[in-house]
């Protein structure tokens, strides 16, 4: 199954590790370090021009998505339930 992350970006649901609200980046020191490390490794992709509302972590990449974490979680649950 697939999960649409916004723009033209789609991932396999089997690649999904976690979905976070963008606010976690400001409130958690560990998440800041995680994203900073991913940026240094060039494994961070920003989807589209819109403001990011969520952070999606896959096995190989960290995405900044313009779709809210609540909406993405609903999409993920639907694809896993099928």
N, C-alpha and C. Protein backbone atom coordinates (compact mmCIF):
# COMPACT_ATOMS: atom_id res chain seq x y z
N UNK A 1 0.83 -1.18 0.00
CA UNK A 1 0.00 0.00 0.00
C UNK A 1 0.88 1.25 0.00
N UNK A 2 0.26 2.34 -0.38
CA UNK A 2 0.96 3.61 -0.50
C UNK A 2 0.38 4.66 0.45
N UNK A 3 1.19 5.64 0.80
CA UNK A 3 0.74 6.79 1.59
C UNK A 3 1.20 8.04 0.85
N UNK A 4 0.25 8.92 0.54
CA UNK A 4 0.55 10.18 -0.13
C UNK A 4 0.98 11.19 0.93
N UNK A 5 2.18 11.76 0.78
CA UNK A 5 2.74 12.68 1.76
C UNK A 5 2.53 14.15 1.40
N UNK A 6 1.97 14.40 0.23
CA UNK A 6 1.80 15.76 -0.25
C UNK A 6 2.56 15.94 -1.54
N UNK A 7 2.20 16.98 -2.30
CA UNK A 7 2.85 17.21 -3.58
C UNK A 7 2.73 15.97 -4.44
N UNK A 8 3.83 15.55 -4.99
CA UNK A 8 3.86 14.34 -5.82
C UNK A 8 4.59 13.20 -5.11
N UNK A 9 4.73 13.29 -3.79
CA UNK A 9 5.50 12.31 -3.03
C UNK A 9 4.60 11.23 -2.45
N UNK A 10 4.92 10.00 -2.75
CA UNK A 10 4.20 8.83 -2.25
C UNK A 10 5.23 7.84 -1.73
N UNK A 11 4.93 7.19 -0.61
CA UNK A 11 5.84 6.17 -0.08
C UNK A 11 5.07 4.86 0.10
N UNK A 12 5.80 3.78 0.16
CA UNK A 12 5.21 2.50 0.52
C UNK A 12 4.94 2.52 2.02
N UNK A 13 3.80 2.03 2.44
CA UNK A 13 3.49 2.01 3.87
C UNK A 13 4.49 1.15 4.64
N UNK A 14 5.08 0.17 4.00
CA UNK A 14 6.08 -0.68 4.66
C UNK A 14 7.37 0.08 4.99
N UNK A 15 7.60 1.23 4.36
CA UNK A 15 8.78 2.05 4.63
C UNK A 15 8.58 2.99 5.81
N UNK A 16 7.34 3.19 6.23
CA UNK A 16 7.02 4.15 7.28
C UNK A 16 7.55 3.70 8.63
N UNK A 17 8.22 4.62 9.33
CA UNK A 17 8.70 4.38 10.68
C UNK A 17 7.89 5.18 11.69
N UNK A 18 7.69 6.50 11.40
CA UNK A 18 6.97 7.35 12.34
C UNK A 18 6.41 8.59 11.64
N UNK A 19 5.36 9.15 12.25
CA UNK A 19 4.77 10.41 11.81
C UNK A 19 4.67 11.30 13.03
N UNK A 20 5.24 12.52 12.94
CA UNK A 20 5.24 13.45 14.05
C UNK A 20 4.64 14.78 13.62
N UNK A 21 4.00 15.46 14.55
CA UNK A 21 3.58 16.83 14.32
C UNK A 21 4.84 17.70 14.28
N UNK A 22 4.82 18.74 13.48
CA UNK A 22 6.00 19.59 13.32
C UNK A 22 6.43 20.25 14.64
N UNK A 23 5.49 20.40 15.57
CA UNK A 23 5.81 21.04 16.85
C UNK A 23 6.84 20.25 17.66
N UNK A 24 6.99 18.97 17.38
CA UNK A 24 7.96 18.15 18.13
C UNK A 24 9.38 18.64 17.88
N UNK A 25 9.59 19.24 16.73
CA UNK A 25 10.93 19.74 16.39
C UNK A 25 11.35 20.86 17.34
N UNK A 26 10.39 21.64 17.80
CA UNK A 26 10.69 22.75 18.70
C UNK A 26 10.70 22.34 20.16
N UNK A 27 9.97 21.29 20.49
CA UNK A 27 9.79 20.94 21.89
C UNK A 27 10.71 19.82 22.39
N UNK A 28 11.38 19.12 21.48
CA UNK A 28 12.19 17.98 21.89
C UNK A 28 13.64 18.13 21.41
N UNK A 29 14.55 18.11 22.36
CA UNK A 29 15.97 18.21 22.03
C UNK A 29 16.42 17.00 21.20
N UNK A 30 15.92 15.84 21.53
CA UNK A 30 16.30 14.62 20.81
C UNK A 30 15.83 14.68 19.36
N UNK A 31 14.62 15.16 19.13
CA UNK A 31 14.13 15.24 17.75
C UNK A 31 14.94 16.26 16.95
N UNK A 32 15.34 17.36 17.58
CA UNK A 32 16.20 18.34 16.91
C UNK A 32 17.51 17.69 16.49
N UNK A 33 18.09 16.91 17.38
CA UNK A 33 19.35 16.23 17.07
C UNK A 33 19.16 15.22 15.94
N UNK A 34 18.05 14.49 15.99
CA UNK A 34 17.77 13.49 14.96
C UNK A 34 17.68 14.14 13.58
N UNK A 35 16.88 15.21 13.50
CA UNK A 35 16.70 15.90 12.21
C UNK A 35 18.01 16.54 11.77
N UNK A 36 18.75 17.12 12.68
CA UNK A 36 20.04 17.73 12.35
C UNK A 36 21.00 16.70 11.77
N UNK A 37 21.05 15.53 12.38
CA UNK A 37 21.90 14.45 11.87
C UNK A 37 21.45 14.01 10.47
N UNK A 38 20.14 13.87 10.28
CA UNK A 38 19.60 13.48 8.97
C UNK A 38 19.95 14.52 7.91
N UNK A 39 19.92 15.80 8.28
CA UNK A 39 20.29 16.87 7.34
C UNK A 39 21.75 16.77 6.94
N UNK A 40 22.61 16.49 7.92
CA UNK A 40 24.04 16.34 7.62
C UNK A 40 24.27 15.18 6.67
N UNK A 41 23.47 14.14 6.80
CA UNK A 41 23.58 12.96 5.94
C UNK A 41 22.84 13.15 4.62
N UNK A 42 22.22 14.33 4.44
CA UNK A 42 21.44 14.66 3.23
C UNK A 42 20.29 13.69 3.02
N UNK A 43 19.60 13.38 4.12
CA UNK A 43 18.47 12.45 4.06
C UNK A 43 17.16 13.14 4.45
N UNK A 44 17.11 14.47 4.28
CA UNK A 44 15.90 15.23 4.60
C UNK A 44 15.36 15.84 3.32
N UNK A 45 14.06 15.65 3.07
CA UNK A 45 13.41 16.23 1.90
C UNK A 45 12.20 17.04 2.33
N UNK A 46 12.11 18.26 1.82
CA UNK A 46 10.94 19.11 2.07
C UNK A 46 10.01 18.94 0.87
N UNK A 47 8.74 18.63 1.15
CA UNK A 47 7.77 18.40 0.09
C UNK A 47 7.03 19.70 -0.20
N UNK A 48 7.15 20.17 -1.43
CA UNK A 48 6.43 21.36 -1.86
C UNK A 48 6.93 22.65 -1.25
N UNK A 49 6.21 23.72 -1.56
CA UNK A 49 6.56 25.07 -1.11
C UNK A 49 5.80 25.47 0.15
N UNK A 50 4.76 24.73 0.48
CA UNK A 50 3.92 25.07 1.63
C UNK A 50 4.68 24.84 2.94
N UNK A 51 4.18 25.48 3.99
CA UNK A 51 4.76 25.29 5.32
C UNK A 51 4.57 23.84 5.77
N UNK A 52 5.61 23.25 6.34
CA UNK A 52 5.52 21.87 6.82
C UNK A 52 4.63 21.80 8.05
N UNK A 53 3.78 20.76 8.09
CA UNK A 53 2.91 20.53 9.23
C UNK A 53 3.27 19.24 9.97
N UNK A 54 4.08 18.39 9.31
CA UNK A 54 4.45 17.13 9.95
C UNK A 54 5.83 16.69 9.47
N UNK A 55 6.39 15.79 10.26
CA UNK A 55 7.66 15.14 9.92
C UNK A 55 7.36 13.66 9.77
N UNK A 56 7.73 13.10 8.62
CA UNK A 56 7.51 11.69 8.35
C UNK A 56 8.88 11.02 8.25
N UNK A 57 9.08 10.01 9.08
CA UNK A 57 10.35 9.28 9.09
C UNK A 57 10.13 7.94 8.41
N UNK A 58 10.97 7.67 7.40
CA UNK A 58 10.95 6.37 6.75
C UNK A 58 12.29 5.69 7.03
N UNK A 59 12.45 4.49 6.51
CA UNK A 59 13.69 3.75 6.74
C UNK A 59 14.92 4.45 6.17
N UNK A 60 14.72 5.30 5.14
CA UNK A 60 15.88 5.93 4.51
C UNK A 60 15.85 7.45 4.46
N UNK A 61 14.70 8.08 4.74
CA UNK A 61 14.56 9.52 4.55
C UNK A 61 13.65 10.13 5.60
N UNK A 62 13.89 11.41 5.88
CA UNK A 62 13.00 12.21 6.73
C UNK A 62 12.33 13.24 5.83
N UNK A 63 11.00 13.25 5.81
CA UNK A 63 10.25 14.17 4.97
C UNK A 63 9.57 15.24 5.82
N UNK A 64 9.59 16.48 5.34
CA UNK A 64 8.77 17.55 5.89
C UNK A 64 7.54 17.63 4.99
N UNK A 65 6.38 17.29 5.54
CA UNK A 65 5.16 17.22 4.74
C UNK A 65 4.22 18.38 5.05
N UNK A 66 3.54 18.91 4.00
CA UNK A 66 2.55 19.96 4.22
C UNK A 66 1.21 19.42 4.73
N UNK A 67 1.09 18.12 4.86
CA UNK A 67 -0.14 17.48 5.35
C UNK A 67 0.00 17.25 6.86
N UNK A 68 -1.07 17.50 7.59
CA UNK A 68 -1.00 17.36 9.05
C UNK A 68 -0.73 15.93 9.46
N UNK A 69 -0.13 15.79 10.63
CA UNK A 69 0.19 14.45 11.14
C UNK A 69 -1.08 13.64 11.37
N UNK A 70 -2.16 14.28 11.81
CA UNK A 70 -3.42 13.57 12.04
C UNK A 70 -3.96 12.98 10.74
N UNK A 71 -3.91 13.75 9.66
CA UNK A 71 -4.38 13.27 8.36
C UNK A 71 -3.50 12.13 7.86
N UNK A 72 -2.20 12.28 7.99
CA UNK A 72 -1.28 11.23 7.54
C UNK A 72 -1.48 9.94 8.34
N UNK A 73 -1.71 10.07 9.64
CA UNK A 73 -1.93 8.88 10.47
C UNK A 73 -3.21 8.17 10.05
N UNK A 74 -4.25 8.93 9.70
CA UNK A 74 -5.49 8.30 9.20
C UNK A 74 -5.22 7.56 7.91
N UNK A 75 -4.47 8.17 7.00
CA UNK A 75 -4.14 7.51 5.73
C UNK A 75 -3.33 6.23 5.98
N UNK A 76 -2.40 6.29 6.91
CA UNK A 76 -1.58 5.12 7.23
C UNK A 76 -2.41 4.00 7.82
N UNK A 77 -3.34 4.32 8.70
CA UNK A 77 -4.20 3.30 9.29
C UNK A 77 -5.10 2.65 8.27
N UNK A 78 -5.61 3.41 7.34
CA UNK A 78 -6.46 2.86 6.29
C UNK A 78 -5.67 1.88 5.45
N UNK A 79 -4.45 2.27 5.08
CA UNK A 79 -3.67 1.40 4.21
C UNK A 79 -3.24 0.12 4.93
N UNK A 80 -3.01 0.19 6.26
CA UNK A 80 -2.61 -1.01 6.99
C UNK A 80 -3.80 -1.93 7.23
N UNK A 81 -5.01 -1.36 7.31
CA UNK A 81 -6.20 -2.16 7.61
C UNK A 81 -6.68 -2.94 6.39
N UNK A 82 -6.28 -2.54 5.21
CA UNK A 82 -6.77 -3.19 3.99
C UNK A 82 -6.10 -4.52 3.78
